[in-house]
Amino acid sequence: MWISMEQYEESGMKNTVTITLNGFQEEVAQGSTVSSLIKYFQELDKDLIVEHNGRFVYPGEYPRTVVDDGDRLEFINPNFGG
């Protein structure tokens, strides 16, 4: 069972994993999903592309895709410039 980042922060739990998000190491709650991380990091781009350990993640899989210690996650915003 996963909890939201807000619930994790309020709980004072110490169970975290370290992931690489867009090239930066981040400590996140153990059991975090792509959906919860998108919300936590305020990725608001409706056209967001997500890559998890080098593989494309379909938006329908965001709630079921759980990150583990050492995972690499990329949030790609394709709509820039103009």
N, C-alpha and C. Protein backbone atom coordinates (compact mmCIF):
# COMPACT_ATOMS: atom_id res chain seq x y z
N MET A 1 0.84 -1.19 0.00
CA MET A 1 0.00 0.00 0.00
C MET A 1 0.88 1.24 0.00
N TRP A 2 0.54 2.19 -0.83
CA TRP A 2 1.32 3.42 -0.89
C TRP A 2 0.55 4.53 -0.21
N ILE A 3 1.30 5.56 0.21
CA ILE A 3 0.69 6.75 0.79
C ILE A 3 1.16 7.95 -0.01
N SER A 4 0.40 9.02 0.07
CA SER A 4 0.80 10.23 -0.63
C SER A 4 2.01 10.84 0.07
N MET A 5 2.73 11.70 -0.66
CA MET A 5 3.88 12.38 -0.07
C MET A 5 3.45 13.24 1.12
N GLU A 6 2.26 13.84 1.03
CA GLU A 6 1.78 14.67 2.12
C GLU A 6 1.54 13.82 3.38
N GLN A 7 0.93 12.66 3.20
CA GLN A 7 0.70 11.76 4.33
C GLN A 7 2.02 11.29 4.92
N TYR A 8 2.99 11.01 4.05
CA TYR A 8 4.30 10.58 4.51
C TYR A 8 4.96 11.65 5.36
N GLU A 9 4.95 12.89 4.86
CA GLU A 9 5.60 13.98 5.60
C GLU A 9 4.93 14.21 6.94
N GLU A 10 3.60 14.11 6.98
CA GLU A 10 2.87 14.32 8.22
C GLU A 10 3.09 13.19 9.21
N SER A 11 3.37 11.99 8.72
CA SER A 11 3.49 10.83 9.60
C SER A 11 4.81 10.78 10.35
N GLY A 12 5.84 11.45 9.81
CA GLY A 12 7.15 11.39 10.44
C GLY A 12 7.87 10.08 10.16
N MET A 13 7.37 9.30 9.21
CA MET A 13 7.99 8.02 8.88
C MET A 13 9.40 8.25 8.34
N LYS A 14 10.28 7.28 8.52
CA LYS A 14 11.65 7.39 8.06
C LYS A 14 11.94 6.42 6.92
N ASN A 15 10.95 5.71 6.43
CA ASN A 15 11.17 4.75 5.35
C ASN A 15 11.19 5.48 4.02
N THR A 16 12.40 5.72 3.53
CA THR A 16 12.55 6.43 2.27
C THR A 16 13.42 5.61 1.32
N VAL A 17 13.35 5.98 0.07
CA VAL A 17 14.24 5.43 -0.95
C VAL A 17 14.87 6.61 -1.67
N THR A 18 16.03 6.38 -2.24
CA THR A 18 16.71 7.41 -3.00
C THR A 18 16.57 7.08 -4.48
N ILE A 19 16.03 8.03 -5.23
CA ILE A 19 15.88 7.87 -6.67
C ILE A 19 16.63 9.00 -7.36
N THR A 20 16.84 8.86 -8.64
CA THR A 20 17.39 9.95 -9.44
C THR A 20 16.25 10.48 -10.30
N LEU A 21 15.90 11.74 -10.08
CA LEU A 21 14.81 12.38 -10.80
C LEU A 21 15.39 13.51 -11.62
N ASN A 22 15.28 13.38 -12.93
CA ASN A 22 15.83 14.39 -13.85
C ASN A 22 17.28 14.72 -13.54
N GLY A 23 18.05 13.68 -13.19
CA GLY A 23 19.48 13.83 -12.95
C GLY A 23 19.87 14.23 -11.54
N PHE A 24 18.90 14.43 -10.66
CA PHE A 24 19.18 14.84 -9.29
C PHE A 24 18.72 13.75 -8.33
N GLN A 25 19.52 13.48 -7.31
CA GLN A 25 19.11 12.52 -6.30
C GLN A 25 18.04 13.13 -5.40
N GLU A 26 16.99 12.36 -5.20
CA GLU A 26 15.87 12.79 -4.35
C GLU A 26 15.52 11.66 -3.39
N GLU A 27 15.22 12.02 -2.17
CA GLU A 27 14.76 11.05 -1.19
C GLU A 27 13.24 11.15 -1.15
N VAL A 28 12.57 10.02 -1.40
CA VAL A 28 11.10 10.02 -1.45
C VAL A 28 10.58 8.88 -0.57
N ALA A 29 9.31 8.94 -0.27
CA ALA A 29 8.69 7.92 0.57
C ALA A 29 8.74 6.56 -0.12
N GLN A 30 9.10 5.55 0.65
CA GLN A 30 9.06 4.19 0.13
C GLN A 30 7.64 3.88 -0.32
N GLY A 31 7.49 3.28 -1.49
CA GLY A 31 6.17 2.96 -2.01
C GLY A 31 5.55 4.06 -2.85
N SER A 32 6.32 5.13 -3.11
CA SER A 32 5.79 6.23 -3.94
C SER A 32 5.51 5.74 -5.35
N THR A 33 4.43 6.24 -5.92
CA THR A 33 4.09 5.92 -7.30
C THR A 33 4.45 7.11 -8.19
N VAL A 34 4.48 6.86 -9.48
CA VAL A 34 4.72 7.95 -10.42
C VAL A 34 3.64 9.02 -10.23
N SER A 35 2.40 8.63 -10.05
CA SER A 35 1.31 9.61 -9.83
C SER A 35 1.58 10.51 -8.63
N SER A 36 1.98 9.90 -7.51
CA SER A 36 2.20 10.71 -6.31
C SER A 36 3.40 11.63 -6.48
N LEU A 37 4.42 11.19 -7.22
CA LEU A 37 5.59 12.03 -7.43
C LEU A 37 5.30 13.18 -8.40
N ILE A 38 4.47 12.93 -9.40
CA ILE A 38 4.06 14.01 -10.31
C ILE A 38 3.36 15.10 -9.52
N LYS A 39 2.48 14.70 -8.63
CA LYS A 39 1.76 15.67 -7.81
C LYS A 39 2.71 16.38 -6.85
N TYR A 40 3.57 15.62 -6.17
CA TYR A 40 4.48 16.19 -5.19
C TYR A 40 5.43 17.21 -5.81
N PHE A 41 5.98 16.88 -6.99
CA PHE A 41 6.92 17.77 -7.65
C PHE A 41 6.23 18.78 -8.56
N GLN A 42 4.91 18.84 -8.50
CA GLN A 42 4.08 19.83 -9.18
C GLN A 42 4.37 19.90 -10.68
N GLU A 43 4.40 18.73 -11.30
CA GLU A 43 4.56 18.65 -12.75
C GLU A 43 3.18 18.81 -13.36
N LEU A 44 2.87 20.01 -13.82
CA LEU A 44 1.52 20.34 -14.26
C LEU A 44 1.31 20.24 -15.76
N ASP A 45 2.35 19.92 -16.52
CA ASP A 45 2.25 19.84 -17.98
C ASP A 45 1.34 18.68 -18.37
N LYS A 46 0.25 18.99 -19.07
CA LYS A 46 -0.70 17.94 -19.45
C LYS A 46 -0.11 16.97 -20.46
N ASP A 47 0.98 17.36 -21.12
CA ASP A 47 1.64 16.51 -22.10
C ASP A 47 2.91 15.85 -21.54
N LEU A 48 3.02 15.81 -20.22
CA LEU A 48 4.20 15.25 -19.57
C LEU A 48 4.49 13.84 -20.08
N ILE A 49 5.76 13.57 -20.31
CA ILE A 49 6.23 12.23 -20.67
C ILE A 49 7.05 11.73 -19.50
N VAL A 50 6.84 10.48 -19.10
CA VAL A 50 7.57 9.91 -17.98
C VAL A 50 8.37 8.70 -18.46
N GLU A 51 9.62 8.68 -18.03
CA GLU A 51 10.51 7.56 -18.31
C GLU A 51 10.97 7.00 -16.97
N HIS A 52 10.82 5.69 -16.79
CA HIS A 52 11.19 5.01 -15.55
C HIS A 52 12.23 3.95 -15.88
N ASN A 53 13.45 4.14 -15.40
CA ASN A 53 14.56 3.23 -15.68
C ASN A 53 14.72 2.99 -17.18
N GLY A 54 14.61 4.08 -17.95
CA GLY A 54 14.85 4.02 -19.39
C GLY A 54 13.67 3.55 -20.22
N ARG A 55 12.53 3.32 -19.61
CA ARG A 55 11.35 2.86 -20.33
C ARG A 55 10.21 3.87 -20.21
N PHE A 56 9.50 4.07 -21.32
CA PHE A 56 8.33 4.94 -21.34
C PHE A 56 7.25 4.38 -20.43
N VAL A 57 6.60 5.25 -19.66
CA VAL A 57 5.48 4.84 -18.81
C VAL A 57 4.21 5.47 -19.36
N TYR A 58 3.24 4.64 -19.70
CA TYR A 58 1.95 5.14 -20.17
C TYR A 58 1.21 5.81 -19.02
N PRO A 59 0.51 6.92 -19.29
CA PRO A 59 -0.20 7.62 -18.22
C PRO A 59 -1.13 6.72 -17.39
N GLY A 60 -1.75 5.75 -18.01
CA GLY A 60 -2.62 4.84 -17.27
C GLY A 60 -1.89 3.96 -16.26
N GLU A 61 -0.57 3.88 -16.41
CA GLU A 61 0.25 3.07 -15.50
C GLU A 61 0.83 3.89 -14.34
N TYR A 62 0.67 5.21 -14.37
CA TYR A 62 1.25 6.06 -13.32
C TYR A 62 0.84 5.62 -11.91
N PRO A 63 -0.45 5.34 -11.68
CA PRO A 63 -0.85 4.97 -10.30
C PRO A 63 -0.30 3.62 -9.85
N ARG A 64 0.09 2.76 -10.79
CA ARG A 64 0.57 1.42 -10.44
C ARG A 64 2.09 1.28 -10.51
N THR A 65 2.76 2.31 -10.99
CA THR A 65 4.22 2.24 -11.13
C THR A 65 4.87 2.78 -9.87
N VAL A 66 5.44 1.87 -9.09
CA VAL A 66 6.08 2.20 -7.82
C VAL A 66 7.59 2.31 -8.04
N VAL A 67 8.19 3.35 -7.47
CA VAL A 67 9.65 3.51 -7.58
C VAL A 67 10.34 2.82 -6.41
N ASP A 68 11.52 2.28 -6.72
CA ASP A 68 12.33 1.60 -5.71
C ASP A 68 13.66 2.32 -5.56
N ASP A 69 14.38 1.98 -4.51
CA ASP A 69 15.68 2.56 -4.26
C ASP A 69 16.59 2.38 -5.48
N GLY A 70 17.21 3.47 -5.92
CA GLY A 70 18.13 3.42 -7.04
C GLY A 70 17.50 3.62 -8.41
N ASP A 71 16.18 3.73 -8.47
CA ASP A 71 15.50 3.91 -9.75
C ASP A 71 15.82 5.27 -10.34
N ARG A 72 15.72 5.34 -11.68
CA ARG A 72 15.89 6.59 -12.42
C ARG A 72 14.55 6.98 -13.01
N LEU A 73 14.17 8.23 -12.79
CA LEU A 73 12.89 8.74 -13.28
C LEU A 73 13.16 10.04 -14.02
N GLU A 74 12.56 10.18 -15.19
CA GLU A 74 12.67 11.42 -15.96
C GLU A 74 11.27 11.95 -16.21
N PHE A 75 11.06 13.22 -15.88
CA PHE A 75 9.84 13.93 -16.22
C PHE A 75 10.21 14.84 -17.40
N ILE A 76 9.64 14.58 -18.55
CA ILE A 76 9.99 15.30 -19.77
C ILE A 76 8.82 16.18 -20.17
N ASN A 77 9.08 17.47 -20.29
CA ASN A 77 8.07 18.44 -20.69
C ASN A 77 8.31 18.80 -22.16
N PRO A 78 7.55 18.22 -23.08
CA PRO A 78 7.82 18.43 -24.50
C PRO A 78 7.39 19.79 -25.04
N ASN A 79 6.60 20.52 -24.30
CA ASN A 79 6.08 21.81 -24.77
C ASN A 79 6.91 22.97 -24.22
N PHE A 80 7.96 23.32 -24.93
CA PHE A 80 8.74 24.46 -24.52
C PHE A 80 9.13 25.25 -25.75
N GLY A 81 9.37 26.51 -25.54
CA GLY A 81 9.72 27.38 -26.66
C GLY A 81 8.53 27.70 -27.54
N GLY A 82 8.75 28.37 -28.58
CA GLY A 82 7.62 28.63 -29.45
C GLY A 82 7.87 29.75 -30.31
